[in-house]
Amino acid sequence: MGYHTITMWSATIGDDRLINEDQLIANATRSVQPQQIVLGHANLPPITHCFDQLLGIIASRNLQPVTLAGVFS
């Protein structure tokens, strides 16, 4: 990927396995905080069903999602 710095995430929304939408939102509510690198996989159906709620959590906290490329640039 071209990154020259080892980067670890500090939180996760727990979607590395199949969880229901309520669990995913609860994980996101706990994990999405300022200055956190939150890991999300977005490869299982529940996240597509609650994407607007995830965006709402981010917006309500006045946060801006960025990619790792954006962090390192």
N, C-alpha and C. Protein backbone atom coordinates (compact mmCIF):
# COMPACT_ATOMS: atom_id res chain seq x y z
N MET A 1 0.81 -1.19 0.00
CA MET A 1 0.00 0.00 0.00
C MET A 1 0.86 1.26 0.00
N GLY A 2 2.13 1.14 0.25
CA GLY A 2 3.01 2.29 0.22
C GLY A 2 3.17 3.01 1.53
N TYR A 3 2.56 2.53 2.60
CA TYR A 3 2.71 3.18 3.91
C TYR A 3 4.07 2.82 4.49
N HIS A 4 4.71 3.80 5.09
CA HIS A 4 6.03 3.59 5.69
C HIS A 4 5.98 3.65 7.21
N THR A 5 4.77 3.69 7.76
CA THR A 5 4.58 3.76 9.20
C THR A 5 3.64 2.64 9.62
N ILE A 6 4.01 1.92 10.66
CA ILE A 6 3.11 0.90 11.20
C ILE A 6 1.98 1.61 11.92
N THR A 7 0.77 1.22 11.60
CA THR A 7 -0.40 1.86 12.18
C THR A 7 -1.31 0.80 12.77
N MET A 8 -1.75 1.02 13.97
CA MET A 8 -2.68 0.11 14.63
C MET A 8 -4.00 0.83 14.85
N TRP A 9 -5.09 0.12 14.75
CA TRP A 9 -6.36 0.73 15.05
C TRP A 9 -6.55 0.75 16.56
N SER A 10 -7.37 1.69 17.00
CA SER A 10 -7.61 1.83 18.43
C SER A 10 -9.02 1.42 18.83
N ALA A 11 -9.86 1.16 17.85
CA ALA A 11 -11.24 0.74 18.12
C ALA A 11 -11.78 0.02 16.89
N THR A 12 -12.87 -0.70 17.08
CA THR A 12 -13.49 -1.41 15.97
C THR A 12 -15.00 -1.37 16.11
N ILE A 13 -15.70 -1.48 14.98
CA ILE A 13 -17.15 -1.59 15.04
C ILE A 13 -17.59 -3.06 15.07
N GLY A 14 -16.63 -3.95 15.09
CA GLY A 14 -16.92 -5.36 15.31
C GLY A 14 -17.55 -6.09 14.14
N ASP A 15 -17.39 -5.54 12.95
CA ASP A 15 -18.03 -6.19 11.80
C ASP A 15 -17.10 -7.15 11.06
N ASP A 16 -16.10 -7.67 11.76
CA ASP A 16 -15.25 -8.70 11.17
C ASP A 16 -15.96 -10.06 11.18
N ARG A 17 -17.07 -10.13 11.90
CA ARG A 17 -17.92 -11.31 11.93
C ARG A 17 -19.36 -10.83 11.79
N LEU A 18 -20.26 -11.73 11.55
CA LEU A 18 -21.65 -11.35 11.37
C LEU A 18 -22.28 -11.01 12.72
N ILE A 19 -22.65 -9.76 12.89
CA ILE A 19 -23.38 -9.31 14.08
C ILE A 19 -24.64 -8.61 13.59
N ASN A 20 -25.59 -8.42 14.49
CA ASN A 20 -26.81 -7.75 14.05
C ASN A 20 -26.61 -6.23 14.07
N GLU A 21 -27.58 -5.53 13.51
CA GLU A 21 -27.47 -4.09 13.36
C GLU A 21 -27.38 -3.38 14.71
N ASP A 22 -28.14 -3.85 15.69
CA ASP A 22 -28.10 -3.21 17.02
C ASP A 22 -26.71 -3.33 17.64
N GLN A 23 -26.08 -4.49 17.49
CA GLN A 23 -24.73 -4.68 18.03
C GLN A 23 -23.74 -3.75 17.31
N LEU A 24 -23.88 -3.65 16.00
CA LEU A 24 -22.98 -2.81 15.22
C LEU A 24 -23.10 -1.35 15.64
N ILE A 25 -24.32 -0.87 15.81
CA ILE A 25 -24.54 0.53 16.22
C ILE A 25 -24.01 0.74 17.64
N ALA A 26 -24.23 -0.22 18.53
CA ALA A 26 -23.70 -0.10 19.90
C ALA A 26 -22.18 -0.03 19.88
N ASN A 27 -21.54 -0.87 19.07
CA ASN A 27 -20.08 -0.85 18.96
C ASN A 27 -19.61 0.49 18.40
N ALA A 28 -20.30 0.99 17.39
CA ALA A 28 -19.90 2.26 16.78
C ALA A 28 -20.09 3.41 17.77
N THR A 29 -21.18 3.38 18.53
CA THR A 29 -21.43 4.43 19.52
C THR A 29 -20.30 4.49 20.53
N ARG A 30 -19.79 3.34 20.91
CA ARG A 30 -18.69 3.26 21.88
C ARG A 30 -17.35 3.62 21.23
N SER A 31 -17.15 3.22 19.98
CA SER A 31 -15.83 3.30 19.36
C SER A 31 -15.54 4.59 18.61
N VAL A 32 -16.55 5.19 18.02
CA VAL A 32 -16.32 6.37 17.18
C VAL A 32 -16.14 7.58 18.09
N GLN A 33 -14.88 7.94 18.29
CA GLN A 33 -14.48 9.04 19.17
C GLN A 33 -13.38 9.84 18.47
N PRO A 34 -13.18 11.09 18.88
CA PRO A 34 -12.12 11.88 18.28
C PRO A 34 -10.75 11.20 18.40
N GLN A 35 -9.95 11.36 17.37
CA GLN A 35 -8.56 10.89 17.32
C GLN A 35 -8.42 9.37 17.37
N GLN A 36 -9.47 8.65 17.05
CA GLN A 36 -9.42 7.19 17.04
C GLN A 36 -9.30 6.68 15.61
N ILE A 37 -8.57 5.63 15.43
CA ILE A 37 -8.57 4.90 14.16
C ILE A 37 -9.50 3.72 14.37
N VAL A 38 -10.66 3.80 13.75
CA VAL A 38 -11.71 2.81 13.95
C VAL A 38 -11.73 1.86 12.76
N LEU A 39 -11.57 0.59 13.05
CA LEU A 39 -11.54 -0.43 12.02
C LEU A 39 -12.95 -0.87 11.69
N GLY A 40 -13.27 -0.86 10.41
CA GLY A 40 -14.54 -1.38 9.91
C GLY A 40 -14.29 -2.12 8.62
N HIS A 41 -14.99 -3.21 8.44
CA HIS A 41 -14.77 -4.03 7.25
C HIS A 41 -15.77 -3.75 6.14
N ALA A 42 -17.00 -3.46 6.51
CA ALA A 42 -18.04 -3.11 5.53
C ALA A 42 -18.24 -4.19 4.47
N ASN A 43 -18.09 -5.45 4.86
CA ASN A 43 -18.24 -6.51 3.86
C ASN A 43 -19.36 -7.49 4.19
N LEU A 44 -20.17 -7.17 5.20
CA LEU A 44 -21.31 -8.02 5.55
C LEU A 44 -22.58 -7.16 5.55
N PRO A 45 -23.71 -7.75 5.27
CA PRO A 45 -24.96 -6.99 5.07
C PRO A 45 -25.36 -6.02 6.19
N PRO A 46 -25.19 -6.32 7.48
CA PRO A 46 -25.71 -5.37 8.48
C PRO A 46 -25.20 -3.94 8.31
N ILE A 47 -23.97 -3.76 7.91
CA ILE A 47 -23.46 -2.39 7.80
C ILE A 47 -24.18 -1.61 6.70
N THR A 48 -24.59 -2.31 5.66
CA THR A 48 -25.31 -1.61 4.59
C THR A 48 -26.70 -1.18 5.03
N HIS A 49 -27.24 -1.86 6.03
CA HIS A 49 -28.58 -1.53 6.52
C HIS A 49 -28.57 -0.39 7.53
N CYS A 50 -27.43 -0.11 8.13
CA CYS A 50 -27.39 0.95 9.16
C CYS A 50 -26.33 2.00 8.85
N PHE A 51 -25.95 2.10 7.60
CA PHE A 51 -24.92 3.06 7.21
C PHE A 51 -25.33 4.49 7.57
N ASP A 52 -26.61 4.83 7.36
CA ASP A 52 -27.07 6.19 7.70
C ASP A 52 -26.95 6.46 9.19
N GLN A 53 -27.21 5.45 10.02
CA GLN A 53 -27.05 5.62 11.47
C GLN A 53 -25.59 5.84 11.83
N LEU A 54 -24.68 5.14 11.16
CA LEU A 54 -23.25 5.33 11.41
C LEU A 54 -22.83 6.74 11.04
N LEU A 55 -23.31 7.22 9.89
CA LEU A 55 -23.01 8.59 9.50
C LEU A 55 -23.57 9.59 10.50
N GLY A 56 -24.74 9.28 11.07
CA GLY A 56 -25.34 10.14 12.07
C GLY A 56 -24.50 10.23 13.33
N ILE A 57 -23.93 9.11 13.75
CA ILE A 57 -23.04 9.11 14.93
C ILE A 57 -21.83 10.01 14.67
N ILE A 58 -21.25 9.85 13.50
CA ILE A 58 -20.08 10.65 13.12
C ILE A 58 -20.45 12.13 13.09
N ALA A 59 -21.56 12.46 12.44
CA ALA A 59 -21.96 13.86 12.31
C ALA A 59 -22.32 14.48 13.66
N SER A 60 -22.99 13.71 14.53
CA SER A 60 -23.40 14.24 15.82
C SER A 60 -22.21 14.58 16.71
N ARG A 61 -21.07 14.00 16.41
CA ARG A 61 -19.86 14.27 17.20
C ARG A 61 -18.91 15.23 16.48
N ASN A 62 -19.40 15.79 15.38
CA ASN A 62 -18.62 16.75 14.58
C ASN A 62 -17.28 16.16 14.15
N LEU A 63 -17.30 14.89 13.78
CA LEU A 63 -16.08 14.21 13.33
C LEU A 63 -16.04 14.16 11.81
N GLN A 64 -14.86 13.99 11.28
CA GLN A 64 -14.68 13.86 9.84
C GLN A 64 -13.92 12.57 9.56
N PRO A 65 -14.54 11.63 8.86
CA PRO A 65 -13.81 10.41 8.50
C PRO A 65 -12.70 10.73 7.51
N VAL A 66 -11.57 10.09 7.69
CA VAL A 66 -10.46 10.22 6.75
C VAL A 66 -9.87 8.83 6.50
N THR A 67 -9.23 8.68 5.40
CA THR A 67 -8.51 7.45 5.11
C THR A 67 -7.11 7.52 5.72
N LEU A 68 -6.44 6.41 5.80
CA LEU A 68 -5.05 6.44 6.27
C LEU A 68 -4.19 7.28 5.32
N ALA A 69 -4.48 7.21 4.04
CA ALA A 69 -3.73 8.04 3.09
C ALA A 69 -3.89 9.52 3.45
N GLY A 70 -5.09 9.90 3.86
CA GLY A 70 -5.33 11.29 4.26
C GLY A 70 -4.60 11.66 5.53
N VAL A 71 -4.51 10.73 6.45
CA VAL A 71 -3.80 10.97 7.71
C VAL A 71 -2.32 11.20 7.45
N PHE A 72 -1.74 10.41 6.56
CA PHE A 72 -0.30 10.47 6.32
C PHE A 72 0.10 11.53 5.32
N SER A 73 -0.85 12.17 4.65
CA SER A 73 -0.47 13.16 3.63
C SER A 73 -0.27 14.53 4.22
